[in-house]
Amino acid sequence: MSLQTISSTTFRSAIREKGVTLVDFGAKWCPPCKVLLPILEELEREEGDRLSILQVDCDESPEIASEFGVMSMPTVILFYNGEPVDKFIGLRTKGVYQAALARYV
């Protein structure tokens, strides 16, 4: 399973207006991003019906990364009802994301 990659043109339409979306800002060459990917894929398998998990390649869509203040990778932003409500900079454990999601899902 692979997460859906979104771009500047598809970003707004991909974020859930109702509910939870996690957006992973990273790059193909980023080692911590590669470690994070299986964690997010596992979360998607477990919680996929209750949330969306998407990826933004910062090299391909730098304007979206800039808009949300992404300065280092990976950065994961949790959106609730279309608005950013939490931000995780750097590699985190699955439990960190689960705890954050529990407040919104």
Foldseek 3Di string as FASTA:
>chain_A
DFAAEDAPVCVQVPAALAAKEKEWEEAPVDVQVVVCGVLVVVVCVVCVVRYHYYYYDCVRHVVVCVVVVPDAPGKMFMDHSRHTDDIDHTRDGSVVVVVVNVVTD
